[in-house]
Amino acid sequence: MRIAHINLARSYRGGERQTELLAMGLAEMGLEQIVVARRGGQLAQRLKNANVELRAVAGNPFAAAFATRTADIVHVHDGRSIYAAWLRRCFSGTPYVVTRRVNNPIGTHRLARRVYRDAACVVGVARDIAEIVGRYNPGIRCEVIHSASSGFVPDLDNVQKIRARYSGKFLVGHVGALDNVQKGQEYIIEVARSMASLHPDIQFLLVGGGEDEAMLKASAQDLQNLQFTGFVTNVGDYLAAFDLFILPSNKEGIGGILLDAMDQGLPVIASRVGGLHEIVHDGENGLMIDPARPDQLLDAILTLRNDEQLRRRFGNRGREISSGFSAKEMCRRYREVYQSIAVRE
């Protein structure tokens, strides 16, 4: 059984991290794989020396479809690549699996309906996403396989250096693509502005890059209590340096970065959107707020800043919860899906 993963994203976000985790984990299980990634993209760069066959292609469905010609099953990891998998099925009858990571509505045009209908299985990374697929077409086979924590092992020297740059500060961190429509970083800036004079001990740190970087930096240019790091490769070091992690998103699938934050023992604050409630249990390992409510975000930050015991309790429970979302378990579940398709075909 040879699996071809397709992910043609230009950037490296949560979906690309999960694609990499899955490919590397399945390689350890002995599965033969191809990863079809965009030429020059960050995922292709990261997998150049990995134990999988990398096929770097132009970012169009025809190139990706041709690159999967030797696969027994095609696995789609980003929205546009589903058309490449469908073309491969048209050419050679190869079945395909689609992983949906966001709770956006699925396209209603005729081709979109057909490519989803023809999928051997659609996997939602959260129950909310699976329910969207079920309402879209009850005839689609749909499974829920949660995203996995990355298993970061922080470099303690780097962690200490990060902490030293913000000595005496309560460090509130956010990691994510600077995509304001999805991630809601404008609310973090608004809260930082409100706290600047009243709570000078609280420092905000936004880790990541993206298309809204210039706009968000311009909005926060006068703030001394908020800094941007840009894209970094040592995300685990930053998570380990934070006192608190926040994700005030407007929309999400499962928010895999929350699992990484919890794995580092961090209390978390997250919006009540998508499948975030499946990993953030309000009052147990973190606090949940309504989306687009910076006032609630501010109150939640102060609640946790002022209660060290609560932070410790949330952090300990979060680490316990994240242990159930391992890459090994995610790989096992996907392998079961592949095997069930291979038997049926």
C-alpha atoms as a PDB file:
ATOM      1  CA  MET A   1       0.000   0.000   0.000  1.00  0.00           C
ATOM      2  CA  ARG A   2       1.592   3.219  -1.193  1.00  0.00           C
ATOM      3  CA  ILE A   3       0.139   6.505   0.080  1.00  0.00           C
ATOM      4  CA  ALA A   4       0.562   9.801  -1.750  1.00  0.00           C
ATOM      5  CA  HIS A   5       0.020  12.880   0.405  1.00  0.00           C
ATOM      6  CA  ILE A   6      -0.753  16.146  -1.396  1.00  0.00           C
ATOM      7  CA  ASN A   7      -0.251  19.518   0.266  1.00  0.00           C
ATOM      8  CA  LEU A   8       0.360  22.416  -2.118  1.00  0.00           C
ATOM      9  CA  ALA A   9       0.323  25.236   0.443  1.00  0.00           C
ATOM     10  CA  ARG A  10       2.956  27.939   0.002  1.00  0.00           C
ATOM     11  CA  SER A  11       3.368  28.611   3.713  1.00  0.00           C
ATOM     12  CA  TYR A  12       3.919  26.356   6.705  1.00  0.00           C
ATOM     13  CA  ARG A  13       0.940  26.495   9.037  1.00  0.00           C
ATOM     14  CA  GLY A  14      -0.851  24.006  11.249  1.00  0.00           C
ATOM     15  CA  GLY A  15      -2.044  21.871   8.350  1.00  0.00           C
ATOM     16  CA  GLU A  16       1.486  21.536   7.006  1.00  0.00           C
ATOM     17  CA  ARG A  17       2.814  20.652  10.453  1.00  0.00           C
ATOM     18  CA  GLN A  18       0.192  17.913  10.712  1.00  0.00           C
ATOM     19  CA  THR A  19       1.028  16.648   7.203  1.00  0.00           C
ATOM     20  CA  GLU A  20       4.679  16.394   8.220  1.00  0.00           C
ATOM     21  CA  LEU A  21       3.869  14.672  11.518  1.00  0.00           C
ATOM     22  CA  LEU A  22       1.691  12.125   9.732  1.00  0.00           C
ATOM     23  CA  ALA A  23       4.208  11.368   6.982  1.00  0.00           C
ATOM     24  CA  MET A  24       7.061  10.960   9.446  1.00  0.00           C
ATOM     25  CA  GLY A  25       4.991   8.827  11.807  1.00  0.00           C
ATOM     26  CA  LEU A  26       3.742   6.538   9.040  1.00  0.00           C
ATOM     27  CA  ALA A  27       7.314   6.161   7.782  1.00  0.00           C
ATOM     28  CA  GLU A  28       8.263   4.833  11.214  1.00  0.00           C
ATOM     29  CA  MET A  29       5.414   2.314  10.864  1.00  0.00           C
ATOM     30  CA  GLY A  30       6.932   1.135   7.588  1.00  0.00           C
ATOM     31  CA  LEU A  31       4.382   2.550   5.125  1.00  0.00           C
ATOM     32  CA  GLU A  32       5.640   3.476   1.690  1.00  0.00           C
ATOM     33  CA  GLN A  33       4.760   7.104   0.945  1.00  0.00           C
ATOM     34  CA  ILE A  34       5.077   9.965  -1.489  1.00  0.00           C
ATOM     35  CA  VAL A  35       4.660  13.584  -0.410  1.00  0.00           C
ATOM     36  CA  VAL A  36       3.611  15.915  -3.221  1.00  0.00           C
ATOM     37  CA  ALA A  37       4.401  19.479  -2.139  1.00  0.00           C
ATOM     38  CA  ARG A  38       4.713  22.837  -3.822  1.00  0.00           C
ATOM     39  CA  ARG A  39       8.127  23.450  -5.340  1.00  0.00           C
ATOM     40  CA  GLY A  40       9.912  26.108  -3.279  1.00  0.00           C
ATOM     41  CA  GLY A  41       7.343  25.875  -0.478  1.00  0.00           C
ATOM     42  CA  GLN A  42       8.305  25.471   3.155  1.00  0.00           C
ATOM     43  CA  LEU A  43       6.884  21.955   3.480  1.00  0.00           C
ATOM     44  CA  ALA A  44       9.029  20.754   0.577  1.00  0.00           C
ATOM     45  CA  GLN A  45      12.079  22.380   2.165  1.00  0.00           C
ATOM     46  CA  ARG A  46      11.448  20.643   5.489  1.00  0.00           C
ATOM     47  CA  LEU A  47      10.980  17.210   3.907  1.00  0.00           C
ATOM     48  CA  LYS A  48      13.998  17.281   1.585  1.00  0.00           C
ATOM     49  CA  ASN A  49      16.000  14.914   3.793  1.00  0.00           C
ATOM     50  CA  ALA A  50      13.110  13.023   5.376  1.00  0.00           C
ATOM     51  CA  ASN A  51      12.476   9.293   5.092  1.00  0.00           C
ATOM     52  CA  VAL A  52       9.757   9.770   2.476  1.00  0.00           C
ATOM     53  CA  GLU A  53       9.817  10.279  -1.270  1.00  0.00           C
ATOM     54  CA  LEU A  54       9.324  13.975  -1.986  1.00  0.00           C
ATOM     55  CA  ARG A  55       7.892  15.103  -5.309  1.00  0.00           C
ATOM     56  CA  ALA A  56       8.049  18.885  -5.569  1.00  0.00           C
ATOM     57  CA  VAL A  57       5.701  20.223  -8.230  1.00  0.00           C
ATOM     58  CA  ALA A  58       4.160  23.417  -9.534  1.00  0.00           C
ATOM     59  CA  GLY A  59       1.124  24.412  -7.537  1.00  0.00           C
ATOM     60  CA  ASN A  60      -1.573  23.255  -9.933  1.00  0.00           C
ATOM     61  CA  PRO A  61      -3.887  20.223  -9.850  1.00  0.00           C
ATOM     62  CA  PHE A  62      -2.595  18.671 -13.080  1.00  0.00           C
ATOM     63  CA  ALA A  63       1.018  18.602 -11.888  1.00  0.00           C
ATOM     64  CA  ALA A  64      -0.031  17.154  -8.535  1.00  0.00           C
ATOM     65  CA  ALA A  65      -2.280  14.560 -10.178  1.00  0.00           C
ATOM     66  CA  PHE A  66       0.585  13.391 -12.423  1.00  0.00           C
ATOM     67  CA  ALA A  67       2.907  13.133  -9.400  1.00  0.00           C
ATOM     68  CA  THR A  68       0.523  10.675  -7.690  1.00  0.00           C
ATOM     69  CA  ARG A  69       0.452   8.234 -10.615  1.00  0.00           C
ATOM     70  CA  THR A  70       2.160   5.402  -8.685  1.00  0.00           C
ATOM     71  CA  ALA A  71       0.014   5.681  -5.537  1.00  0.00           C
ATOM     72  CA  ASP A  72      -2.564   3.191  -4.289  1.00  0.00           C
ATOM     73  CA  ILE A  73      -4.355   5.832  -2.186  1.00  0.00           C
ATOM     74  CA  VAL A  74      -4.112   9.631  -2.390  1.00  0.00           C
ATOM     75  CA  HIS A  75      -4.490  11.703   0.771  1.00  0.00           C
ATOM     76  CA  VAL A  76      -5.404  15.388   0.355  1.00  0.00           C
ATOM     77  CA  HIS A  77      -4.280  17.804   3.081  1.00  0.00           C
ATOM     78  CA  ASP A  78      -5.265  21.231   1.718  1.00  0.00           C
ATOM     79  CA  GLY A  79      -8.424  22.518   0.101  1.00  0.00           C
ATOM     80  CA  ARG A  80      -7.298  23.039  -3.486  1.00  0.00           C
ATOM     81  CA  SER A  81      -5.547  19.693  -3.792  1.00  0.00           C
ATOM     82  CA  ILE A  82      -8.806  17.781  -3.745  1.00  0.00           C
ATOM     83  CA  TYR A  83      -9.125  18.494  -7.474  1.00  0.00           C
ATOM     84  CA  ALA A  84      -5.767  16.839  -8.114  1.00  0.00           C
ATOM     85  CA  ALA A  85      -6.907  13.728  -6.268  1.00  0.00           C
ATOM     86  CA  TRP A  86     -10.169  13.702  -8.189  1.00  0.00           C
ATOM     87  CA  LEU A  87      -8.284  13.940 -11.490  1.00  0.00           C
ATOM     88  CA  ARG A  88      -6.112  10.999 -10.455  1.00  0.00           C
ATOM     89  CA  ARG A  89      -9.265   9.021  -9.712  1.00  0.00           C
ATOM     90  CA  CYS A  90     -10.649   9.917 -13.136  1.00  0.00           C
ATOM     91  CA  PHE A  91      -7.396   8.804 -14.809  1.00  0.00           C
ATOM     92  CA  SER A  92      -6.725   5.569 -12.923  1.00  0.00           C
ATOM     93  CA  GLY A  93      -9.505   4.912 -10.410  1.00  0.00           C
ATOM     94  CA  THR A  94      -7.208   5.636  -7.438  1.00  0.00           C
ATOM     95  CA  PRO A  95      -9.275   6.281  -4.273  1.00  0.00           C
ATOM     96  CA  TYR A  96      -8.635   9.386  -2.228  1.00  0.00           C
ATOM     97  CA  VAL A  97      -9.013  10.618   1.349  1.00  0.00           C
ATOM     98  CA  VAL A  98      -9.620  14.268   2.212  1.00  0.00           C
ATOM     99  CA  THR A  99      -8.713  15.856   5.543  1.00  0.00           C
ATOM    100  CA  ARG A 100     -10.691  19.001   6.369  1.00  0.00           C
ATOM    101  CA  ARG A 101      -9.057  21.177   9.022  1.00  0.00           C
ATOM    102  CA  VAL A 102     -11.314  24.239   9.091  1.00  0.00           C
ATOM    103  CA  ASN A 103     -14.992  24.750   9.767  1.00  0.00           C
ATOM    104  CA  ASN A 104     -15.578  26.837   6.643  1.00  0.00           C
ATOM    105  CA  PRO A 105     -18.606  25.967   4.484  1.00  0.00           C
ATOM    106  CA  ILE A 106     -17.855  23.599   1.611  1.00  0.00           C
ATOM    107  CA  GLY A 107     -18.394  24.949  -1.909  1.00  0.00           C
ATOM    108  CA  THR A 108     -21.846  24.354  -3.356  1.00  0.00           C
ATOM    109  CA  HIS A 109     -20.990  24.438  -7.061  1.00  0.00           C
ATOM    110  CA  ARG A 110     -21.406  21.242  -9.060  1.00  0.00           C
ATOM    111  CA  LEU A 111     -17.728  20.273  -9.249  1.00  0.00           C
ATOM    112  CA  ALA A 112     -17.182  20.751  -5.512  1.00  0.00           C
ATOM    113  CA  ARG A 113     -20.156  18.521  -4.752  1.00  0.00           C
ATOM    114  CA  ARG A 114     -18.825  15.859  -7.083  1.00  0.00           C
ATOM    115  CA  VAL A 115     -15.252  15.796  -5.767  1.00  0.00           C
ATOM    116  CA  TYR A 116     -16.495  15.433  -2.191  1.00  0.00           C
ATOM    117  CA  ARG A 117     -19.068  12.828  -3.178  1.00  0.00           C
ATOM    118  CA  ASP A 118     -16.388  10.772  -4.934  1.00  0.00           C
ATOM    119  CA  ALA A 119     -13.976  10.760  -1.971  1.00  0.00           C
ATOM    120  CA  ALA A 120     -13.483   7.367  -0.352  1.00  0.00           C
ATOM    121  CA  CYS A 121     -13.459   9.112   3.036  1.00  0.00           C
ATOM    122  CA  VAL A 122     -13.496  12.658   4.393  1.00  0.00           C
ATOM    123  CA  VAL A 123     -11.745  13.127   7.735  1.00  0.00           C
ATOM    124  CA  GLY A 124     -12.663  15.995  10.029  1.00  0.00           C
ATOM    125  CA  VAL A 125     -10.070  17.016  12.620  1.00  0.00           C
ATOM    126  CA  ALA A 126     -12.920  17.873  14.977  1.00  0.00           C
ATOM    127  CA  ARG A 127     -16.485  16.682  15.472  1.00  0.00           C
ATOM    128  CA  ASP A 128     -17.823  20.083  14.417  1.00  0.00           C
ATOM    129  CA  ILE A 129     -16.118  19.703  11.040  1.00  0.00           C
ATOM    130  CA  ALA A 130     -17.457  16.181  10.567  1.00  0.00           C
ATOM    131  CA  GLU A 131     -20.958  17.496  11.273  1.00  0.00           C
ATOM    132  CA  ILE A 132     -20.532  20.151   8.566  1.00  0.00           C
ATOM    133  CA  VAL A 133     -19.568  17.406   6.092  1.00  0.00           C
ATOM    134  CA  GLY A 134     -22.558  15.316   7.178  1.00  0.00           C
ATOM    135  CA  ARG A 135     -24.963  18.166   6.608  1.00  0.00           C
ATOM    136  CA  TYR A 136     -23.352  18.887   3.232  1.00  0.00           C
ATOM    137  CA  ASN A 137     -23.896  15.326   2.018  1.00  0.00           C
ATOM    138  CA  PRO A 138     -25.084  12.594   4.418  1.00  0.00           C
ATOM    139  CA  GLY A 139     -23.863   9.982   1.948  1.00  0.00           C
ATOM    140  CA  ILE A 140     -20.171  10.872   2.400  1.00  0.00           C
ATOM    141  CA  ARG A 141     -18.198   8.523   4.606  1.00  0.00           C
ATOM    142  CA  CYS A 142     -16.783  10.786   7.312  1.00  0.00           C
ATOM    143  CA  GLU A 143     -14.436  10.023  10.205  1.00  0.00           C
ATOM    144  CA  VAL A 144     -13.107  12.175  13.053  1.00  0.00           C
ATOM    145  CA  ILE A 145      -9.350  12.018  13.576  1.00  0.00           C
ATOM    146  CA  HIS A 146      -8.037  14.773  15.790  1.00  0.00           C
ATOM    147  CA  SER A 147      -4.835  16.627  15.048  1.00  0.00           C
ATOM    148  CA  ALA A 148      -1.797  15.693  17.107  1.00  0.00           C
ATOM    149  CA  SER A 149       0.523  17.567  19.393  1.00  0.00           C
ATOM    150  CA  SER A 150       3.958  18.113  17.867  1.00  0.00           C
ATOM    151  CA  GLY A 151       5.928  16.644  20.757  1.00  0.00           C
ATOM    152  CA  PHE A 152       8.271  19.634  20.966  1.00  0.00           C
ATOM    153  CA  VAL A 153      11.340  19.181  23.166  1.00  0.00           C
ATOM    154  CA  PRO A 154      12.433  22.719  24.106  1.00  0.00           C
ATOM    155  CA  ASP A 155      16.062  23.774  24.217  1.00  0.00           C
ATOM    156  CA  LEU A 156      16.349  25.031  27.793  1.00  0.00           C
ATOM    157  CA  ASP A 157      19.173  27.435  26.940  1.00  0.00           C
ATOM    158  CA  ASN A 158      16.992  29.070  24.281  1.00  0.00           C
ATOM    159  CA  VAL A 159      14.050  29.179  26.692  1.00  0.00           C
ATOM    160  CA  GLN A 160      16.171  30.983  29.282  1.00  0.00           C
ATOM    161  CA  LYS A 161      17.371  33.476  26.664  1.00  0.00           C
ATOM    162  CA  ILE A 162      13.789  34.273  25.656  1.00  0.00           C
ATOM    163  CA  ARG A 163      12.771  34.707  29.297  1.00  0.00           C
ATOM    164  CA  ALA A 164      15.799  36.909  29.942  1.00  0.00           C
ATOM    165  CA  ARG A 165      14.696  39.309  27.182  1.00  0.00           C
ATOM    166  CA  TYR A 166      11.474  39.858  29.115  1.00  0.00           C
ATOM    167  CA  SER A 167      12.796  39.642  32.650  1.00  0.00           C
ATOM    168  CA  GLY A 168      10.167  40.397  35.276  1.00  0.00           C
ATOM    169  CA  LYS A 169       7.323  40.222  32.757  1.00  0.00           C
ATOM    170  CA  PHE A 170       4.263  37.997  32.702  1.00  0.00           C
ATOM    171  CA  LEU A 171       4.584  36.652  29.171  1.00  0.00           C
ATOM    172  CA  VAL A 172       1.331  36.194  27.249  1.00  0.00           C
ATOM    173  CA  GLY A 173       2.050  34.339  24.022  1.00  0.00           C
ATOM    174  CA  HIS A 174       0.293  33.640  20.762  1.00  0.00           C
ATOM    175  CA  VAL A 175       1.584  31.395  17.964  1.00  0.00           C
ATOM    176  CA  GLY A 176      -0.090  31.377  14.589  1.00  0.00           C
ATOM    177  CA  ALA A 177      -0.121  32.669  11.051  1.00  0.00           C
ATOM    178  CA  LEU A 178      -0.764  36.402  10.986  1.00  0.00           C
ATOM    179  CA  ASP A 179      -4.146  35.945   9.344  1.00  0.00           C
ATOM    180  CA  ASN A 180      -6.393  38.354  11.190  1.00  0.00           C
ATOM    181  CA  VAL A 181      -9.686  37.206   9.682  1.00  0.00           C
ATOM    182  CA  GLN A 182      -9.119  33.728  11.085  1.00  0.00           C
ATOM    183  CA  LYS A 183      -6.891  34.254  14.102  1.00  0.00           C
ATOM    184  CA  GLY A 184      -8.214  37.575  15.436  1.00  0.00           C
ATOM    185  CA  GLN A 185      -4.845  39.120  16.307  1.00  0.00           C
ATOM    186  CA  GLU A 186      -6.475  42.569  16.252  1.00  0.00           C
ATOM    187  CA  TYR A 187      -8.104  41.665  19.577  1.00  0.00           C
ATOM    188  CA  ILE A 188      -4.713  40.941  21.126  1.00  0.00           C
ATOM    189  CA  ILE A 189      -3.503  44.360  19.993  1.00  0.00           C
ATOM    190  CA  GLU A 190      -6.623  46.002  21.429  1.00  0.00           C
ATOM    191  CA  VAL A 191      -6.111  44.277  24.785  1.00  0.00           C
ATOM    192  CA  ALA A 192      -2.405  45.159  24.842  1.00  0.00           C
ATOM    193  CA  ARG A 193      -3.305  48.799  24.238  1.00  0.00           C
ATOM    194  CA  SER A 194      -5.828  48.745  27.108  1.00  0.00           C
ATOM    195  CA  MET A 195      -3.276  47.187  29.469  1.00  0.00           C
ATOM    196  CA  ALA A 196      -0.243  49.250  28.498  1.00  0.00           C
ATOM    197  CA  SER A 197      -0.402  51.748  31.357  1.00  0.00           C
ATOM    198  CA  LEU A 198      -2.466  49.844  33.937  1.00  0.00           C
ATOM    199  CA  HIS A 199      -0.567  46.529  33.765  1.00  0.00           C
ATOM    200  CA  PRO A 200       2.984  47.244  32.582  1.00  0.00           C
ATOM    201  CA  ASP A 201       4.177  43.857  33.873  1.00  0.00           C
ATOM    202  CA  ILE A 202       2.221  42.015  31.132  1.00  0.00           C
ATOM    203  CA  GLN A 203       4.088  41.506  27.855  1.00  0.00           C
ATOM    204  CA  PHE A 204       2.466  40.150  24.676  1.00  0.00           C
ATOM    205  CA  LEU A 205       4.469  38.173  22.142  1.00  0.00           C
ATOM    206  CA  LEU A 206       3.083  37.183  18.727  1.00  0.00           C
ATOM    207  CA  VAL A 207       5.037  34.369  17.077  1.00  0.00           C
ATOM    208  CA  GLY A 208       4.547  33.796  13.359  1.00  0.00           C
ATOM    209  CA  GLY A 209       4.356  35.540  10.029  1.00  0.00           C
ATOM    210  CA  GLY A 210       1.733  35.934   7.361  1.00  0.00           C
ATOM    211  CA  GLU A 211      -0.072  38.134   4.905  1.00  0.00           C
ATOM    212  CA  ASP A 212      -1.408  40.508   7.583  1.00  0.00           C
ATOM    213  CA  GLU A 213       1.971  41.107   9.224  1.00  0.00           C
ATOM    214  CA  ALA A 214       2.449  44.633   7.891  1.00  0.00           C
ATOM    215  CA  MET A 215      -1.098  45.694   8.782  1.00  0.00           C
ATOM    216  CA  LEU A 216      -0.899  44.301  12.316  1.00  0.00           C
ATOM    217  CA  LYS A 217       2.543  45.786  12.951  1.00  0.00           C
ATOM    218  CA  ALA A 218       1.312  49.184  11.820  1.00  0.00           C
ATOM    219  CA  SER A 219      -1.635  48.906  14.187  1.00  0.00           C
ATOM    220  CA  ALA A 220       0.661  48.084  17.115  1.00  0.00           C
ATOM    221  CA  GLN A 221       3.652  50.270  16.258  1.00  0.00           C
ATOM    222  CA  ASP A 222       3.308  52.508  19.313  1.00  0.00           C
ATOM    223  CA  LEU A 223       2.984  49.635  21.806  1.00  0.00           C
ATOM    224  CA  GLN A 224       5.971  48.709  23.938  1.00  0.00           C
ATOM    225  CA  ASN A 225       4.160  45.788  25.565  1.00  0.00           C
ATOM    226  CA  LEU A 226       3.600  43.854  22.345  1.00  0.00           C
ATOM    227  CA  GLN A 227       6.218  42.419  19.996  1.00  0.00           C
ATOM    228  CA  PHE A 228       6.244  40.335  16.826  1.00  0.00           C
ATOM    229  CA  THR A 229       8.894  37.652  16.269  1.00  0.00           C
ATOM    230  CA  GLY A 230       8.111  36.770  12.653  1.00  0.00           C
ATOM    231  CA  PHE A 231       8.260  33.142  11.525  1.00  0.00           C
ATOM    232  CA  VAL A 232      10.473  30.978  13.760  1.00  0.00           C
ATOM    233  CA  THR A 233      11.553  27.341  13.586  1.00  0.00           C
ATOM    234  CA  ASN A 234      11.853  26.856  17.366  1.00  0.00           C
ATOM    235  CA  VAL A 235       8.191  27.220  18.310  1.00  0.00           C
ATOM    236  CA  GLY A 236       8.615  24.825  21.239  1.00  0.00           C
ATOM    237  CA  ASP A 237      11.184  27.099  22.879  1.00  0.00           C
ATOM    238  CA  TYR A 238       8.777  30.033  22.777  1.00  0.00           C
ATOM    239  CA  LEU A 239       5.895  27.984  24.149  1.00  0.00           C
ATOM    240  CA  ALA A 240       8.060  26.833  27.043  1.00  0.00           C
ATOM    241  CA  ALA A 241       8.963  30.463  27.792  1.00  0.00           C
ATOM    242  CA  PHE A 242       5.359  31.701  27.954  1.00  0.00           C
ATOM    243  CA  ASP A 243       3.323  32.045  31.140  1.00  0.00           C
ATOM    244  CA  LEU A 244       0.004  31.912  29.291  1.00  0.00           C
ATOM    245  CA  PHE A 245      -1.156  31.045  25.778  1.00  0.00           C
ATOM    246  CA  ILE A 246      -4.028  32.800  23.990  1.00  0.00           C
ATOM    247  CA  LEU A 247      -5.908  31.946  20.791  1.00  0.00           C
ATOM    248  CA  PRO A 248      -8.780  34.444  20.281  1.00  0.00           C
ATOM    249  CA  SER A 249      -9.707  33.089  16.838  1.00  0.00           C
ATOM    250  CA  ASN A 250     -12.785  33.936  14.817  1.00  0.00           C
ATOM    251  CA  LYS A 251     -12.768  30.471  13.244  1.00  0.00           C
ATOM    252  CA  GLU A 252     -10.741  27.303  13.738  1.00  0.00           C
ATOM    253  CA  GLY A 253     -10.868  23.589  13.158  1.00  0.00           C
ATOM    254  CA  ILE A 254      -9.166  22.049  16.177  1.00  0.00           C
ATOM    255  CA  GLY A 255      -6.403  24.606  16.850  1.00  0.00           C
ATOM    256  CA  GLY A 256      -3.521  22.125  17.028  1.00  0.00           C
ATOM    257  CA  ILE A 257      -1.175  24.748  18.480  1.00  0.00           C
ATOM    258  CA  LEU A 258      -3.285  24.592  21.633  1.00  0.00           C
ATOM    259  CA  LEU A 259      -2.226  20.965  22.056  1.00  0.00           C
ATOM    260  CA  ASP A 260       1.408  22.045  21.799  1.00  0.00           C
ATOM    261  CA  ALA A 261       0.844  24.790  24.382  1.00  0.00           C
ATOM    262  CA  MET A 262      -0.906  22.357  26.713  1.00  0.00           C
ATOM    263  CA  ASP A 263       1.899  19.838  26.198  1.00  0.00           C
ATOM    264  CA  GLN A 264       4.256  22.466  27.650  1.00  0.00           C
ATOM    265  CA  GLY A 265       2.036  22.828  30.716  1.00  0.00           C
ATOM    266  CA  LEU A 266       0.547  26.186  29.752  1.00  0.00           C
ATOM    267  CA  PRO A 267      -2.892  27.418  30.797  1.00  0.00           C
ATOM    268  CA  VAL A 268      -4.778  28.533  27.709  1.00  0.00           C
ATOM    269  CA  ILE A 269      -7.468  31.005  26.678  1.00  0.00           C
ATOM    270  CA  ALA A 270      -9.361  30.225  23.473  1.00  0.00           C
ATOM    271  CA  SER A 271     -12.490  31.262  21.583  1.00  0.00           C
ATOM    272  CA  ARG A 272     -15.656  29.202  21.484  1.00  0.00           C
ATOM    273  CA  VAL A 273     -15.351  28.407  17.793  1.00  0.00           C
ATOM    274  CA  GLY A 274     -15.039  25.240  15.736  1.00  0.00           C
ATOM    275  CA  GLY A 275     -13.694  22.267  17.632  1.00  0.00           C
ATOM    276  CA  LEU A 276     -11.659  24.203  20.219  1.00  0.00           C
ATOM    277  CA  HIS A 277     -14.054  23.122  22.963  1.00  0.00           C
ATOM    278  CA  GLU A 278     -12.990  19.520  22.305  1.00  0.00           C
ATOM    279  CA  ILE A 279      -9.535  20.209  23.751  1.00  0.00           C
ATOM    280  CA  VAL A 280     -10.058  23.298  25.923  1.00  0.00           C
ATOM    281  CA  HIS A 281     -12.409  22.439  28.761  1.00  0.00           C
ATOM    282  CA  ASP A 282     -13.564  25.695  30.313  1.00  0.00           C
ATOM    283  CA  GLY A 283     -12.500  25.911  33.951  1.00  0.00           C
ATOM    284  CA  GLU A 284     -10.501  22.681  33.727  1.00  0.00           C
ATOM    285  CA  ASN A 285      -7.419  23.376  31.620  1.00  0.00           C
ATOM    286  CA  GLY A 286      -8.186  26.893  30.453  1.00  0.00           C
ATOM    287  CA  LEU A 287     -10.782  29.589  29.915  1.00  0.00           C
ATOM    288  CA  MET A 288     -13.045  29.991  26.900  1.00  0.00           C
ATOM    289  CA  ILE A 289     -14.273  33.320  25.584  1.00  0.00           C
ATOM    290  CA  ASP A 290     -16.707  34.359  22.894  1.00  0.00           C
ATOM    291  CA  PRO A 291     -15.133  35.316  19.544  1.00  0.00           C
ATOM    292  CA  ALA A 292     -14.599  39.016  18.816  1.00  0.00           C
ATOM    293  CA  ARG A 293     -14.787  39.904  22.521  1.00  0.00           C
ATOM    294  CA  PRO A 294     -11.523  41.602  23.540  1.00  0.00           C
ATOM    295  CA  ASP A 295     -13.163  42.595  26.821  1.00  0.00           C
ATOM    296  CA  GLN A 296     -13.561  38.914  27.737  1.00  0.00           C
ATOM    297  CA  LEU A 297      -9.983  38.228  26.621  1.00  0.00           C
ATOM    298  CA  LEU A 298      -8.702  41.016  28.894  1.00  0.00           C
ATOM    299  CA  ASP A 299     -10.666  39.721  31.893  1.00  0.00           C
ATOM    300  CA  ALA A 300      -9.493  36.139  31.311  1.00  0.00           C
ATOM    301  CA  ILE A 301      -5.844  37.212  31.093  1.00  0.00           C
ATOM    302  CA  LEU A 302      -6.096  39.140  34.369  1.00  0.00           C
ATOM    303  CA  THR A 303      -7.871  36.248  36.068  1.00  0.00           C
ATOM    304  CA  LEU A 304      -5.002  33.913  35.256  1.00  0.00           C
ATOM    305  CA  ARG A 305      -2.238  36.469  35.816  1.00  0.00           C
ATOM    306  CA  ASN A 306      -3.575  37.026  39.338  1.00  0.00           C
ATOM    307  CA  ASP A 307      -3.937  33.338  40.301  1.00  0.00           C
ATOM    308  CA  GLU A 308      -0.754  31.291  40.125  1.00  0.00           C
ATOM    309  CA  GLN A 309      -2.417  28.249  41.672  1.00  0.00           C
ATOM    310  CA  LEU A 310      -5.133  28.277  39.012  1.00  0.00           C
ATOM    311  CA  ARG A 311      -2.519  28.565  36.276  1.00  0.00           C
ATOM    312  CA  ARG A 312      -0.659  25.592  37.683  1.00  0.00           C
ATOM    313  CA  ARG A 313      -3.829  23.513  37.936  1.00  0.00           C
ATOM    314  CA  PHE A 314      -4.871  24.365  34.383  1.00  0.00           C
ATOM    315  CA  GLY A 315      -1.368  23.635  33.105  1.00  0.00           C
ATOM    316  CA  ASN A 316      -1.155  20.231  34.774  1.00  0.00           C
ATOM    317  CA  ARG A 317      -4.572  19.208  33.496  1.00  0.00           C
ATOM    318  CA  GLY A 318      -3.750  20.496  30.019  1.00  0.00           C
ATOM    319  CA  ARG A 319      -0.639  18.335  29.884  1.00  0.00           C
ATOM    320  CA  GLU A 320      -2.765  15.300  30.793  1.00  0.00           C
ATOM    321  CA  ILE A 321      -5.319  16.091  28.070  1.00  0.00           C
ATOM    322  CA  SER A 322      -2.703  16.711  25.375  1.00  0.00           C
ATOM    323  CA  SER A 323      -1.111  13.314  26.055  1.00  0.00           C
ATOM    324  CA  GLY A 324      -4.189  11.720  24.474  1.00  0.00           C
ATOM    325  CA  PHE A 325      -3.538  13.544  21.181  1.00  0.00           C
ATOM    326  CA  SER A 326      -0.241  11.969  20.173  1.00  0.00           C
ATOM    327  CA  ALA A 327       1.120  11.721  16.646  1.00  0.00           C
ATOM    328  CA  LYS A 328       1.328   7.952  17.125  1.00  0.00           C
ATOM    329  CA  GLU A 329      -2.415   7.731  17.759  1.00  0.00           C
ATOM    330  CA  MET A 330      -3.203   9.992  14.796  1.00  0.00           C
ATOM    331  CA  CYS A 331      -1.061   7.801  12.523  1.00  0.00           C
ATOM    332  CA  ARG A 332      -2.731   4.644  13.792  1.00  0.00           C
ATOM    333  CA  ARG A 333      -6.177   6.024  13.019  1.00  0.00           C
ATOM    334  CA  TYR A 334      -5.231   7.123   9.496  1.00  0.00           C
ATOM    335  CA  ARG A 335      -3.636   3.762   8.805  1.00  0.00           C
ATOM    336  CA  GLU A 336      -6.924   2.098   9.742  1.00  0.00           C
ATOM    337  CA  VAL A 337      -8.743   4.343   7.266  1.00  0.00           C
ATOM    338  CA  TYR A 338      -6.263   3.496   4.503  1.00  0.00           C
ATOM    339  CA  GLN A 339      -6.557  -0.221   5.203  1.00  0.00           C
ATOM    340  CA  SER A 340     -10.348  -0.118   5.138  1.00  0.00           C
ATOM    341  CA  ILE A 341     -10.243   1.618   1.745  1.00  0.00           C
ATOM    342  CA  ALA A 342      -7.686  -0.834   0.350  1.00  0.00           C
ATOM    343  CA  VAL A 343      -9.851  -3.790   1.368  1.00  0.00           C
ATOM    344  CA  ARG A 344     -12.973  -2.202  -0.144  1.00  0.00           C
ATOM    345  CA  GLU A 345     -11.226  -1.368  -3.406  1.00  0.00           C
END
